[in-house]
N, C-alpha and C. Protein backbone atom coordinates (compact mmCIF):
# COMPACT_ATOMS: atom_id res chain seq x y z
N PRO A 1 0.79 -1.22 0.00
CA PRO A 1 0.00 0.00 0.00
C PRO A 1 0.84 1.29 0.00
N LEU A 2 2.01 1.24 0.64
CA LEU A 2 2.85 2.44 0.68
C LEU A 2 3.38 2.79 -0.71
N LYS A 3 3.75 1.81 -1.49
CA LYS A 3 4.21 2.08 -2.86
C LYS A 3 3.06 2.62 -3.72
N THR A 4 1.88 2.08 -3.51
CA THR A 4 0.71 2.58 -4.24
C THR A 4 0.44 4.02 -3.85
N LEU A 5 0.52 4.32 -2.56
CA LEU A 5 0.30 5.68 -2.08
C LEU A 5 1.35 6.63 -2.64
N SER A 6 2.60 6.21 -2.69
CA SER A 6 3.65 7.09 -3.20
C SER A 6 3.44 7.37 -4.69
N LEU A 7 2.99 6.37 -5.44
CA LEU A 7 2.68 6.58 -6.86
C LEU A 7 1.58 7.62 -7.01
N ILE A 8 0.52 7.48 -6.23
CA ILE A 8 -0.59 8.42 -6.30
C ILE A 8 -0.13 9.82 -5.93
N ALA A 9 0.60 9.94 -4.84
CA ALA A 9 1.04 11.26 -4.36
C ALA A 9 1.91 11.96 -5.41
N TYR A 10 2.79 11.22 -6.05
CA TYR A 10 3.73 11.82 -7.00
C TYR A 10 3.09 12.11 -8.35
N ARG A 11 2.13 11.30 -8.76
CA ARG A 11 1.53 11.43 -10.10
C ARG A 11 0.16 12.13 -10.08
N GLN A 12 -0.34 12.46 -8.92
CA GLN A 12 -1.71 13.01 -8.84
C GLN A 12 -1.91 14.29 -9.60
N PRO A 13 -3.10 14.53 -10.10
CA PRO A 13 -4.23 13.59 -10.13
C PRO A 13 -3.95 12.46 -11.13
N VAL A 14 -4.27 11.25 -10.74
CA VAL A 14 -3.97 10.08 -11.55
C VAL A 14 -5.22 9.22 -11.67
N SER A 15 -5.39 8.61 -12.82
CA SER A 15 -6.56 7.75 -13.01
C SER A 15 -6.36 6.43 -12.27
N GLN A 16 -7.47 5.88 -11.81
CA GLN A 16 -7.41 4.58 -11.14
C GLN A 16 -6.87 3.52 -12.10
N ALA A 17 -7.24 3.62 -13.38
CA ALA A 17 -6.76 2.66 -14.38
C ALA A 17 -5.24 2.67 -14.47
N HIS A 18 -4.63 3.86 -14.41
CA HIS A 18 -3.17 3.95 -14.47
C HIS A 18 -2.54 3.30 -13.24
N VAL A 19 -3.10 3.56 -12.07
CA VAL A 19 -2.56 2.96 -10.84
C VAL A 19 -2.62 1.44 -10.94
N ILE A 20 -3.72 0.89 -11.42
CA ILE A 20 -3.86 -0.56 -11.55
C ILE A 20 -2.89 -1.10 -12.60
N ASP A 21 -2.71 -0.37 -13.70
CA ASP A 21 -1.75 -0.80 -14.73
C ASP A 21 -0.34 -0.89 -14.17
N VAL A 22 0.04 0.08 -13.35
CA VAL A 22 1.40 0.13 -12.81
C VAL A 22 1.58 -0.83 -11.65
N ARG A 23 0.61 -0.88 -10.74
CA ARG A 23 0.76 -1.63 -9.50
C ARG A 23 0.15 -3.03 -9.54
N GLY A 24 -0.72 -3.30 -10.50
CA GLY A 24 -1.33 -4.63 -10.60
C GLY A 24 -2.69 -4.66 -9.92
N ARG A 25 -3.38 -5.77 -10.12
CA ARG A 25 -4.75 -5.91 -9.62
C ARG A 25 -4.84 -5.88 -8.10
N HIS A 26 -3.77 -6.25 -7.42
CA HIS A 26 -3.78 -6.20 -5.95
C HIS A 26 -3.95 -4.77 -5.43
N ALA A 27 -3.73 -3.78 -6.29
CA ALA A 27 -3.82 -2.38 -5.88
C ALA A 27 -5.25 -1.97 -5.56
N TYR A 28 -6.25 -2.71 -6.05
CA TYR A 28 -7.63 -2.39 -5.68
C TYR A 28 -7.78 -2.45 -4.16
N GLY A 29 -7.20 -3.45 -3.55
CA GLY A 29 -7.24 -3.56 -2.09
C GLY A 29 -6.49 -2.42 -1.42
N HIS A 30 -5.36 -2.03 -2.01
CA HIS A 30 -4.60 -0.90 -1.47
C HIS A 30 -5.44 0.37 -1.50
N LEU A 31 -6.11 0.60 -2.63
CA LEU A 31 -6.91 1.81 -2.78
C LEU A 31 -8.02 1.86 -1.73
N LYS A 32 -8.67 0.73 -1.50
CA LYS A 32 -9.73 0.68 -0.49
C LYS A 32 -9.15 0.99 0.89
N GLN A 33 -8.02 0.38 1.21
CA GLN A 33 -7.37 0.60 2.51
C GLN A 33 -6.95 2.06 2.67
N LEU A 34 -6.35 2.63 1.65
CA LEU A 34 -5.89 4.03 1.72
C LEU A 34 -7.07 4.99 1.82
N GLU A 35 -8.15 4.66 1.14
CA GLU A 35 -9.35 5.50 1.21
C GLU A 35 -9.97 5.41 2.61
N ASP A 36 -10.01 4.21 3.18
CA ASP A 36 -10.54 4.02 4.53
C ASP A 36 -9.71 4.79 5.56
N MET A 37 -8.43 4.95 5.29
CA MET A 37 -7.52 5.68 6.20
C MET A 37 -7.56 7.19 5.94
N ASN A 38 -8.37 7.61 4.98
CA ASN A 38 -8.52 9.02 4.60
C ASN A 38 -7.23 9.63 4.04
N LEU A 39 -6.42 8.79 3.39
CA LEU A 39 -5.19 9.28 2.78
C LEU A 39 -5.39 9.66 1.31
N ILE A 40 -6.39 9.04 0.67
CA ILE A 40 -6.71 9.36 -0.72
C ILE A 40 -8.21 9.56 -0.86
N LYS A 41 -8.58 10.20 -1.97
CA LYS A 41 -10.00 10.30 -2.34
C LYS A 41 -10.12 9.98 -3.81
N ARG A 42 -11.20 9.27 -4.15
CA ARG A 42 -11.47 8.91 -5.54
C ARG A 42 -12.70 9.68 -6.00
N GLU A 43 -12.58 10.30 -7.17
CA GLU A 43 -13.68 11.08 -7.73
C GLU A 43 -14.04 10.51 -9.09
N LYS A 44 -15.30 10.33 -9.32
CA LYS A 44 -15.77 9.85 -10.62
C LYS A 44 -15.81 11.03 -11.58
N VAL A 45 -15.08 10.92 -12.67
CA VAL A 45 -15.06 11.95 -13.71
C VAL A 45 -15.41 11.25 -15.01
N GLY A 46 -16.66 11.41 -15.44
CA GLY A 46 -17.12 10.67 -16.61
C GLY A 46 -17.11 9.19 -16.30
N ARG A 47 -16.40 8.43 -17.11
CA ARG A 47 -16.32 6.98 -16.89
C ARG A 47 -15.09 6.59 -16.08
N ASN A 48 -14.27 7.56 -15.74
CA ASN A 48 -13.02 7.29 -15.03
C ASN A 48 -13.10 7.69 -13.57
N LYS A 49 -12.24 7.09 -12.77
CA LYS A 49 -12.06 7.51 -11.39
C LYS A 49 -10.69 8.17 -11.30
N ILE A 50 -10.68 9.37 -10.75
CA ILE A 50 -9.45 10.12 -10.57
C ILE A 50 -9.09 10.09 -9.09
N ILE A 51 -7.83 9.83 -8.80
CA ILE A 51 -7.39 9.69 -7.41
C ILE A 51 -6.45 10.84 -7.06
N ARG A 52 -6.66 11.37 -5.86
CA ARG A 52 -5.82 12.44 -5.31
C ARG A 52 -5.58 12.13 -3.84
N THR A 53 -4.55 12.73 -3.29
CA THR A 53 -4.34 12.63 -1.85
C THR A 53 -5.25 13.65 -1.15
N THR A 54 -5.44 13.44 0.14
CA THR A 54 -6.30 14.32 0.93
C THR A 54 -5.45 15.33 1.70
N ASP A 55 -6.13 16.31 2.29
CA ASP A 55 -5.43 17.25 3.18
C ASP A 55 -4.85 16.51 4.38
N PHE A 56 -5.56 15.48 4.85
CA PHE A 56 -5.05 14.68 5.96
C PHE A 56 -3.71 14.04 5.60
N PHE A 57 -3.57 13.55 4.36
CA PHE A 57 -2.31 12.98 3.89
C PHE A 57 -1.18 14.00 4.03
N ALA A 58 -1.42 15.21 3.52
CA ALA A 58 -0.39 16.26 3.57
C ALA A 58 -0.03 16.59 5.01
N ASP A 59 -1.03 16.72 5.85
CA ASP A 59 -0.78 17.03 7.27
C ASP A 59 -0.03 15.89 7.97
N HIS A 60 -0.46 14.66 7.71
CA HIS A 60 0.14 13.49 8.36
C HIS A 60 1.63 13.34 8.03
N PHE A 61 1.98 13.61 6.78
CA PHE A 61 3.37 13.44 6.36
C PHE A 61 4.15 14.76 6.34
N GLY A 62 3.55 15.82 6.82
CA GLY A 62 4.24 17.11 6.90
C GLY A 62 4.56 17.72 5.55
N LEU A 63 3.64 17.57 4.61
CA LEU A 63 3.84 18.08 3.26
C LEU A 63 2.93 19.28 3.00
N SER A 64 3.28 20.03 1.98
CA SER A 64 2.49 21.19 1.59
C SER A 64 1.14 20.77 1.03
N HIS A 65 0.15 21.61 1.19
CA HIS A 65 -1.16 21.37 0.58
C HIS A 65 -1.15 21.79 -0.88
N ASP A 66 -0.20 22.63 -1.28
CA ASP A 66 -0.06 23.05 -2.68
C ASP A 66 0.53 21.89 -3.47
N LEU A 67 -0.18 21.46 -4.50
CA LEU A 67 0.20 20.26 -5.26
C LEU A 67 1.59 20.36 -5.86
N LYS A 68 1.93 21.48 -6.46
CA LYS A 68 3.24 21.64 -7.08
C LYS A 68 4.36 21.55 -6.03
N THR A 69 4.17 22.22 -4.91
CA THR A 69 5.17 22.19 -3.84
C THR A 69 5.28 20.79 -3.25
N MET A 70 4.13 20.11 -3.07
CA MET A 70 4.15 18.75 -2.53
C MET A 70 4.95 17.82 -3.44
N LYS A 71 4.76 17.94 -4.74
CA LYS A 71 5.49 17.08 -5.67
C LYS A 71 6.99 17.34 -5.60
N GLN A 72 7.40 18.59 -5.43
CA GLN A 72 8.82 18.91 -5.27
C GLN A 72 9.36 18.31 -3.98
N GLN A 73 8.59 18.40 -2.90
CA GLN A 73 9.00 17.81 -1.64
C GLN A 73 9.16 16.30 -1.77
N LEU A 74 8.21 15.65 -2.42
CA LEU A 74 8.27 14.20 -2.61
C LEU A 74 9.46 13.81 -3.48
N LYS A 75 9.72 14.58 -4.53
CA LYS A 75 10.86 14.29 -5.39
C LYS A 75 12.15 14.32 -4.58
N GLY A 76 12.30 15.30 -3.71
CA GLY A 76 13.48 15.37 -2.85
C GLY A 76 13.59 14.16 -1.93
N ILE A 77 12.47 13.73 -1.37
CA ILE A 77 12.47 12.56 -0.49
C ILE A 77 12.85 11.31 -1.27
N PHE A 78 12.27 11.14 -2.46
CA PHE A 78 12.56 9.95 -3.27
C PHE A 78 14.02 9.93 -3.71
N GLU A 79 14.58 11.10 -4.05
CA GLU A 79 15.98 11.17 -4.46
C GLU A 79 16.90 10.81 -3.30
N LYS A 80 16.59 11.26 -2.10
CA LYS A 80 17.39 10.91 -0.93
C LYS A 80 17.33 9.42 -0.66
N GLU A 81 16.15 8.82 -0.83
CA GLU A 81 15.97 7.39 -0.62
C GLU A 81 16.80 6.61 -1.64
N ASP A 82 16.77 7.03 -2.90
CA ASP A 82 17.57 6.36 -3.93
C ASP A 82 19.05 6.44 -3.63
N LEU A 83 19.51 7.62 -3.19
CA LEU A 83 20.92 7.80 -2.86
C LEU A 83 21.33 6.91 -1.68
N ALA A 84 20.48 6.84 -0.67
CA ALA A 84 20.77 5.99 0.49
C ALA A 84 20.83 4.51 0.08
N ARG A 85 19.95 4.09 -0.83
CA ARG A 85 19.93 2.72 -1.29
C ARG A 85 21.20 2.40 -2.07
N ILE A 86 21.67 3.34 -2.89
CA ILE A 86 22.90 3.14 -3.67
C ILE A 86 24.10 3.05 -2.74
N GLU A 87 24.19 3.94 -1.76
CA GLU A 87 25.30 3.94 -0.83
C GLU A 87 25.33 2.67 0.01
N ALA A 88 24.16 2.14 0.36
CA ALA A 88 24.09 0.92 1.16
C ALA A 88 24.55 -0.31 0.38
N SER A 89 24.39 -0.26 -0.94
CA SER A 89 24.77 -1.42 -1.74
C SER A 89 26.25 -1.42 -2.11
N GLU A 90 26.94 -0.33 -1.85
CA GLU A 90 28.37 -0.25 -2.22
C GLU A 90 29.25 -0.90 -1.19
């Protein structure tokens, strides 16, 4: 569920179909769990469902409510994680 949440947070607004394509069919369960935890919200737009994070998500993880700023913050976090993973494998 955490990887599914990170995909949503970084790519939002993102279609549910894209999340399932990337994460697989097991992601339906992740989406339900994340929605129950109030970390994401799904909105029906025409025939598609669009997924976004909630204000609770931003508050819980100490991120900006501004989408552009949040994505920059997440990019920095992901880059630090990648660097730490590379250094650990050396």
